[in-house]
């Protein structure tokens, strides 16, 4: 089943919306989500973190959509 995964920043470097699930950074510096994410959602967020969040050239984070 092919679905789109959309990641939208809520507060840069702190919280992001992933298809209606809020992913946030906890007090230990780890990314957390109250809902269980699928393997594809985990992979999409890891890619987003690597390409956008950890990239110093991005001043403002953007919305990203992963298809497949």
PDB file of N, CA and C in Angstrom:
ATOM      1  N   UNK A   1       0.840  -1.170   0.000  1.00  0.00           N
ATOM      2  CA  UNK A   1       0.000   0.000   0.000  1.00  0.00           C
ATOM      3  C   UNK A   1       0.893   1.243   0.000  1.00  0.00           C
ATOM      4  N   UNK A   2       0.697   2.099  -0.962  1.00  0.00           N
ATOM      5  CA  UNK A   2       1.495   3.310  -1.067  1.00  0.00           C
ATOM      6  C   UNK A   2       0.723   4.483  -0.481  1.00  0.00           C
ATOM      7  N   UNK A   3       1.366   5.168   0.434  1.00  0.00           N
ATOM      8  CA  UNK A   3       0.755   6.333   1.057  1.00  0.00           C
ATOM      9  C   UNK A   3       1.776   7.453   1.148  1.00  0.00           C
ATOM     10  N   UNK A   4       1.263   8.650   1.316  1.00  0.00           N
ATOM     11  CA  UNK A   4       2.138   9.803   1.493  1.00  0.00           C
ATOM     12  C   UNK A   4       2.384  10.034   2.975  1.00  0.00           C
ATOM     13  N   UNK A   5       3.599  10.415   3.299  1.00  0.00           N
ATOM     14  CA  UNK A   5       3.958  10.792   4.656  1.00  0.00           C
ATOM     15  C   UNK A   5       4.336  12.263   4.606  1.00  0.00           C
ATOM     16  N   UNK A   6       3.622  13.076   5.363  1.00  0.00           N
ATOM     17  CA  UNK A   6       3.865  14.513   5.368  1.00  0.00           C
ATOM     18  C   UNK A   6       4.409  14.932   6.726  1.00  0.00           C
ATOM     19  N   UNK A   7       5.525  15.650   6.701  1.00  0.00           N
ATOM     20  CA  UNK A   7       6.140  16.162   7.921  1.00  0.00           C
ATOM     21  C   UNK A   7       6.089  17.681   7.858  1.00  0.00           C
ATOM     22  N   UNK A   8       5.482  18.281   8.873  1.00  0.00           N
ATOM     23  CA  UNK A   8       5.336  19.734   8.938  1.00  0.00           C
ATOM     24  C   UNK A   8       5.925  20.230  10.254  1.00  0.00           C
ATOM     25  N   UNK A   9       6.806  21.221  10.201  1.00  0.00           N
ATOM     26  CA  UNK A   9       7.359  21.739  11.456  1.00  0.00           C
ATOM     27  C   UNK A   9       6.306  22.492  12.266  1.00  0.00           C
ATOM     28  N   UNK A  10       6.290  22.254  13.564  1.00  0.00           N
ATOM     29  CA  UNK A  10       5.451  23.021  14.486  1.00  0.00           C
ATOM     30  C   UNK A  10       6.341  24.093  15.121  1.00  0.00           C
ATOM     31  N   UNK A  11       7.410  23.640  15.781  1.00  0.00           N
ATOM     32  CA  UNK A  11       8.457  24.522  16.313  1.00  0.00           C
ATOM     33  C   UNK A  11       9.784  23.909  15.876  1.00  0.00           C
ATOM     34  N   UNK A  12      10.550  24.634  15.070  1.00  0.00           N
ATOM     35  CA  UNK A  12      11.810  24.108  14.548  1.00  0.00           C
ATOM     36  C   UNK A  12      12.696  23.566  15.674  1.00  0.00           C
ATOM     37  N   UNK A  13      13.262  22.392  15.439  1.00  0.00           N
ATOM     38  CA  UNK A  13      14.167  21.692  16.363  1.00  0.00           C
ATOM     39  C   UNK A  13      13.479  21.194  17.632  1.00  0.00           C
ATOM     40  N   UNK A  14      12.158  21.345  17.743  1.00  0.00           N
ATOM     41  CA  UNK A  14      11.462  20.914  18.958  1.00  0.00           C
ATOM     42  C   UNK A  14      10.300  19.966  18.695  1.00  0.00           C
ATOM     43  N   UNK A  15       9.430  20.300  17.732  1.00  0.00           N
ATOM     44  CA  UNK A  15       8.277  19.437  17.472  1.00  0.00           C
ATOM     45  C   UNK A  15       7.849  19.521  16.010  1.00  0.00           C
ATOM     46  N   UNK A  16       7.357  18.381  15.521  1.00  0.00           N
ATOM     47  CA  UNK A  16       6.955  18.247  14.123  1.00  0.00           C
ATOM     48  C   UNK A  16       5.689  17.415  14.056  1.00  0.00           C
ATOM     49  N   UNK A  17       4.849  17.713  13.074  1.00  0.00           N
ATOM     50  CA  UNK A  17       3.635  16.944  12.819  1.00  0.00           C
ATOM     51  C   UNK A  17       3.937  15.948  11.709  1.00  0.00           C
ATOM     52  N   UNK A  18       3.717  14.675  11.975  1.00  0.00           N
ATOM     53  CA  UNK A  18       3.923  13.627  10.984  1.00  0.00           C
ATOM     54  C   UNK A  18       2.584  12.922  10.791  1.00  0.00           C
ATOM     55  N   UNK A  19       1.871  13.279   9.733  1.00  0.00           N
ATOM     56  CA  UNK A  19       0.553  12.694   9.435  1.00  0.00           C
ATOM     57  C   UNK A  19      -0.376  12.704  10.655  1.00  0.00           C
ATOM     58  N   UNK A  20      -0.409  13.815  11.375  1.00  0.00           N
ATOM     59  CA  UNK A  20      -1.307  13.932  12.517  1.00  0.00           C
ATOM     60  C   UNK A  20      -0.716  13.489  13.840  1.00  0.00           C
ATOM     61  N   UNK A  21       0.480  12.921  13.836  1.00  0.00           N
ATOM     62  CA  UNK A  21       1.168  12.521  15.062  1.00  0.00           C
ATOM     63  C   UNK A  21       2.227  13.571  15.382  1.00  0.00           C
ATOM     64  N   UNK A  22       2.282  13.994  16.634  1.00  0.00           N
ATOM     65  CA  UNK A  22       3.279  14.992  17.031  1.00  0.00           C
ATOM     66  C   UNK A  22       4.536  14.272  17.503  1.00  0.00           C
ATOM     67  N   UNK A  23       5.651  14.603  16.871  1.00  0.00           N
ATOM     68  CA  UNK A  23       6.956  14.099  17.281  1.00  0.00           C
ATOM     69  C   UNK A  23       7.664  15.265  17.953  1.00  0.00           C
ATOM     70  N   UNK A  24       8.168  15.033  19.141  1.00  0.00           N
ATOM     71  CA  UNK A  24       8.803  16.107  19.910  1.00  0.00           C
ATOM     72  C   UNK A  24      10.107  15.605  20.522  1.00  0.00           C
ATOM     73  N   UNK A  25      10.944  16.539  20.921  1.00  0.00           N
ATOM     74  CA  UNK A  25      12.204  16.177  21.553  1.00  0.00           C
ATOM     75  C   UNK A  25      11.981  16.200  23.064  1.00  0.00           C
ATOM     76  N   UNK A  26      12.337  15.100  23.737  1.00  0.00           N
ATOM     77  CA  UNK A  26      12.097  15.014  25.180  1.00  0.00           C
ATOM     78  C   UNK A  26      13.245  15.646  25.968  1.00  0.00           C
ATOM     79  N   UNK A  27      13.154  15.585  27.286  1.00  0.00           N
ATOM     80  CA  UNK A  27      14.149  16.233  28.149  1.00  0.00           C
ATOM     81  C   UNK A  27      15.531  15.595  28.045  1.00  0.00           C
ATOM     82  N   UNK A  28      15.607  14.378  27.519  1.00  0.00           N
ATOM     83  CA  UNK A  28      16.892  13.700  27.343  1.00  0.00           C
ATOM     84  C   UNK A  28      17.492  13.944  25.965  1.00  0.00           C
ATOM     85  N   UNK A  29      16.770  14.673  25.113  1.00  0.00           N
ATOM     86  CA  UNK A  29      17.270  14.974  23.776  1.00  0.00           C
ATOM     87  C   UNK A  29      16.927  13.930  22.730  1.00  0.00           C
ATOM     88  N   UNK A  30      15.986  13.042  23.047  1.00  0.00           N
ATOM     89  CA  UNK A  30      15.558  12.004  22.106  1.00  0.00           C
ATOM     90  C   UNK A  30      14.225  12.393  21.479  1.00  0.00           C
ATOM     91  N   UNK A  31      14.009  11.972  20.231  1.00  0.00           N
ATOM     92  CA  UNK A  31      12.734  12.216  19.568  1.00  0.00           C
ATOM     93  C   UNK A  31      11.721  11.214  20.084  1.00  0.00           C
ATOM     94  N   UNK A  32      10.528  11.683  20.444  1.00  0.00           N
ATOM     95  CA  UNK A  32       9.473  10.833  20.988  1.00  0.00           C
ATOM     96  C   UNK A  32       8.147  11.133  20.316  1.00  0.00           C
ATOM     97  N   UNK A  33       7.266  10.139  20.375  1.00  0.00           N
ATOM     98  CA  UNK A  33       5.911  10.281  19.853  1.00  0.00           C
ATOM     99  C   UNK A  33       5.009   9.414  20.715  1.00  0.00           C
ATOM    100  N   UNK A  34       3.841   9.929  21.056  1.00  0.00           N
ATOM    101  CA  UNK A  34       2.925   9.166  21.906  1.00  0.00           C
ATOM    102  C   UNK A  34       2.265   8.021  21.149  1.00  0.00           C
ATOM    103  N   UNK A  35       2.224   8.113  19.833  1.00  0.00           N
ATOM    104  CA  UNK A  35       1.627   7.061  19.005  1.00  0.00           C
ATOM    105  C   UNK A  35       2.732   6.160  18.457  1.00  0.00           C
ATOM    106  N   UNK A  36       2.379   4.939  18.140  1.00  0.00           N
ATOM    107  CA  UNK A  36       3.320   4.033  17.488  1.00  0.00           C
ATOM    108  C   UNK A  36       3.387   4.389  16.010  1.00  0.00           C
ATOM    109  N   UNK A  37       4.590   4.586  15.514  1.00  0.00           N
ATOM    110  CA  UNK A  37       4.781   4.920  14.108  1.00  0.00           C
ATOM    111  C   UNK A  37       5.166   3.676  13.329  1.00  0.00           C
ATOM    112  N   UNK A  38       4.820   3.665  12.052  1.00  0.00           N
ATOM    113  CA  UNK A  38       5.203   2.552  11.195  1.00  0.00           C
ATOM    114  C   UNK A  38       6.685   2.668  10.855  1.00  0.00           C
ATOM    115  N   UNK A  39       7.238   1.605  10.317  1.00  0.00           N
ATOM    116  CA  UNK A  39       8.647   1.616   9.905  1.00  0.00           C
ATOM    117  C   UNK A  39       8.885   2.680   8.839  1.00  0.00           C
ATOM    118  N   UNK A  40       7.938   2.844   7.924  1.00  0.00           N
ATOM    119  CA  UNK A  40       8.072   3.869   6.874  1.00  0.00           C
ATOM    120  C   UNK A  40       8.055   5.273   7.462  1.00  0.00           C
ATOM    121  N   UNK A  41       7.209   5.497   8.470  1.00  0.00           N
ATOM    122  CA  UNK A  41       7.160   6.804   9.117  1.00  0.00           C
ATOM    123  C   UNK A  41       8.459   7.094   9.862  1.00  0.00           C
ATOM    124  N   UNK A  42       8.997   6.080  10.550  1.00  0.00           N
ATOM    125  CA  UNK A  42      10.295   6.238  11.223  1.00  0.00           C
ATOM    126  C   UNK A  42      11.378   6.594  10.216  1.00  0.00           C
ATOM    127  N   UNK A  43      11.415   5.871   9.109  1.00  0.00           N
ATOM    128  CA  UNK A  43      12.437   6.112   8.084  1.00  0.00           C
ATOM    129  C   UNK A  43      12.287   7.504   7.480  1.00  0.00           C
ATOM    130  N   UNK A  44      11.063   7.915   7.206  1.00  0.00           N
ATOM    131  CA  UNK A  44      10.835   9.251   6.643  1.00  0.00           C
ATOM    132  C   UNK A  44      11.304  10.327   7.613  1.00  0.00           C
ATOM    133  N   UNK A  45      11.021  10.155   8.907  1.00  0.00           N
ATOM    134  CA  UNK A  45      11.457  11.164   9.872  1.00  0.00           C
ATOM    135  C   UNK A  45      12.979  11.164  10.021  1.00  0.00           C
ATOM    136  N   UNK A  46      13.609   9.988   9.993  1.00  0.00           N
ATOM    137  CA  UNK A  46      15.080   9.936  10.052  1.00  0.00           C
ATOM    138  C   UNK A  46      15.689  10.659   8.861  1.00  0.00           C
ATOM    139  N   UNK A  47      15.111  10.465   7.677  1.00  0.00           N
ATOM    140  CA  UNK A  47      15.595  11.174   6.486  1.00  0.00           C
ATOM    141  C   UNK A  47      15.409  12.680   6.644  1.00  0.00           C
ATOM    142  N   UNK A  48      14.248  13.093   7.134  1.00  0.00           N
ATOM    143  CA  UNK A  48      13.964  14.516   7.335  1.00  0.00           C
ATOM    144  C   UNK A  48      14.947  15.110   8.346  1.00  0.00           C
ATOM    145  N   UNK A  49      15.196  14.378   9.424  1.00  0.00           N
ATOM    146  CA  UNK A  49      16.136  14.857  10.444  1.00  0.00           C
ATOM    147  C   UNK A  49      17.532  15.033   9.846  1.00  0.00           C
ATOM    148  N   UNK A  50      17.969  14.054   9.089  1.00  0.00           N
ATOM    149  CA  UNK A  50      19.308  14.099   8.487  1.00  0.00           C
ATOM    150  C   UNK A  50      19.433  15.225   7.459  1.00  0.00           C
ATOM    151  N   UNK A  51      18.431  15.370   6.603  1.00  0.00           N
ATOM    152  CA  UNK A  51      18.513  16.335   5.506  1.00  0.00           C
ATOM    153  C   UNK A  51      18.099  17.755   5.881  1.00  0.00           C
ATOM    154  N   UNK A  52      17.165  17.917   6.799  1.00  0.00           N
ATOM    155  CA  UNK A  52      16.614  19.236   7.109  1.00  0.00           C
ATOM    156  C   UNK A  52      16.999  19.707   8.514  1.00  0.00           C
ATOM    157  N   UNK A  53      16.655  18.934   9.523  1.00  0.00           N
ATOM    158  CA  UNK A  53      16.832  19.390  10.906  1.00  0.00           C
ATOM    159  C   UNK A  53      18.305  19.616  11.241  1.00  0.00           C
ATOM    160  N   UNK A  54      19.160  18.683  10.857  1.00  0.00           N
ATOM    161  CA  UNK A  54      20.584  18.793  11.194  1.00  0.00           C
ATOM    162  C   UNK A  54      21.382  19.621  10.194  1.00  0.00           C
ATOM    163  N   UNK A  55      20.732  20.147   9.177  1.00  0.00           N
ATOM    164  CA  UNK A  55      21.409  20.952   8.161  1.00  0.00           C
ATOM    165  C   UNK A  55      21.436  22.412   8.610  1.00  0.00           C
ATOM    166  N   UNK A  56      22.620  22.921   8.888  1.00  0.00           N
ATOM    167  CA  UNK A  56      22.783  24.294   9.404  1.00  0.00           C
ATOM    168  C   UNK A  56      22.381  25.355   8.377  1.00  0.00           C
ATOM    169  N   UNK A  57      22.331  24.995   7.099  1.00  0.00           N
ATOM    170  CA  UNK A  57      21.990  25.967   6.057  1.00  0.00           C
ATOM    171  C   UNK A  57      20.511  26.333   6.044  1.00  0.00           C
ATOM    172  N   UNK A  58      19.670  25.484   6.635  1.00  0.00           N
ATOM    173  CA  UNK A  58      18.237  25.773   6.692  1.00  0.00           C
ATOM    174  C   UNK A  58      17.942  26.646   7.901  1.00  0.00           C
ATOM    175  N   UNK A  59      17.516  27.871   7.644  1.00  0.00           N
ATOM    176  CA  UNK A  59      17.139  28.778   8.732  1.00  0.00           C
ATOM    177  C   UNK A  59      15.726  28.465   9.212  1.00  0.00           C
ATOM    178  N   UNK A  60      14.838  28.172   8.278  1.00  0.00           N
ATOM    179  CA  UNK A  60      13.441  27.853   8.580  1.00  0.00           C
ATOM    180  C   UNK A  60      13.155  26.489   7.974  1.00  0.00           C
ATOM    181  N   UNK A  61      12.648  25.576   8.778  1.00  0.00           N
ATOM    182  CA  UNK A  61      12.362  24.235   8.278  1.00  0.00           C
ATOM    183  C   UNK A  61      11.108  24.250   7.415  1.00  0.00           C
ATOM    184  N   UNK A  62      11.081  23.365   6.439  1.00  0.00           N
ATOM    185  CA  UNK A  62       9.991  23.332   5.477  1.00  0.00           C
ATOM    186  C   UNK A  62       9.160  22.063   5.617  1.00  0.00           C
ATOM    187  N   UNK A  63       7.997  22.101   5.025  1.00  0.00           N
ATOM    188  CA  UNK A  63       7.125  20.935   4.955  1.00  0.00           C
ATOM    189  C   UNK A  63       7.723  19.964   3.948  1.00  0.00           C
ATOM    190  N   UNK A  64       7.660  18.673   4.252  1.00  0.00           N
ATOM    191  CA  UNK A  64       8.185  17.662   3.336  1.00  0.00           C
ATOM    192  C   UNK A  64       7.153  16.557   3.169  1.00  0.00           C
ATOM    193  N   UNK A  65       7.047  16.039   1.952  1.00  0.00           N
ATOM    194  CA  UNK A  65       6.142  14.936   1.660  1.00  0.00           C
ATOM    195  C   UNK A  65       6.938  13.801   1.048  1.00  0.00           C
ATOM    196  N   UNK A  66       6.813  12.610   1.634  1.00  0.00           N
ATOM    197  CA  UNK A  66       7.474  11.412   1.135  1.00  0.00           C
ATOM    198  C   UNK A  66       6.410  10.523   0.513  1.00  0.00           C
ATOM    199  N   UNK A  67       6.650  10.094  -0.708  1.00  0.00           N
ATOM    200  CA  UNK A  67       5.691   9.248  -1.426  1.00  0.00           C
ATOM    201  C   UNK A  67       6.309   7.877  -1.640  1.00  0.00           C
ATOM    202  N   UNK A  68       5.431   6.892  -1.728  1.00  0.00           N
ATOM    203  CA  UNK A  68       5.978   5.590  -2.066  1.00  0.00           C
ATOM    204  C   UNK A  68       5.401   4.455  -1.363  1.00  0.00           C
TER     205      UNK A  68
END
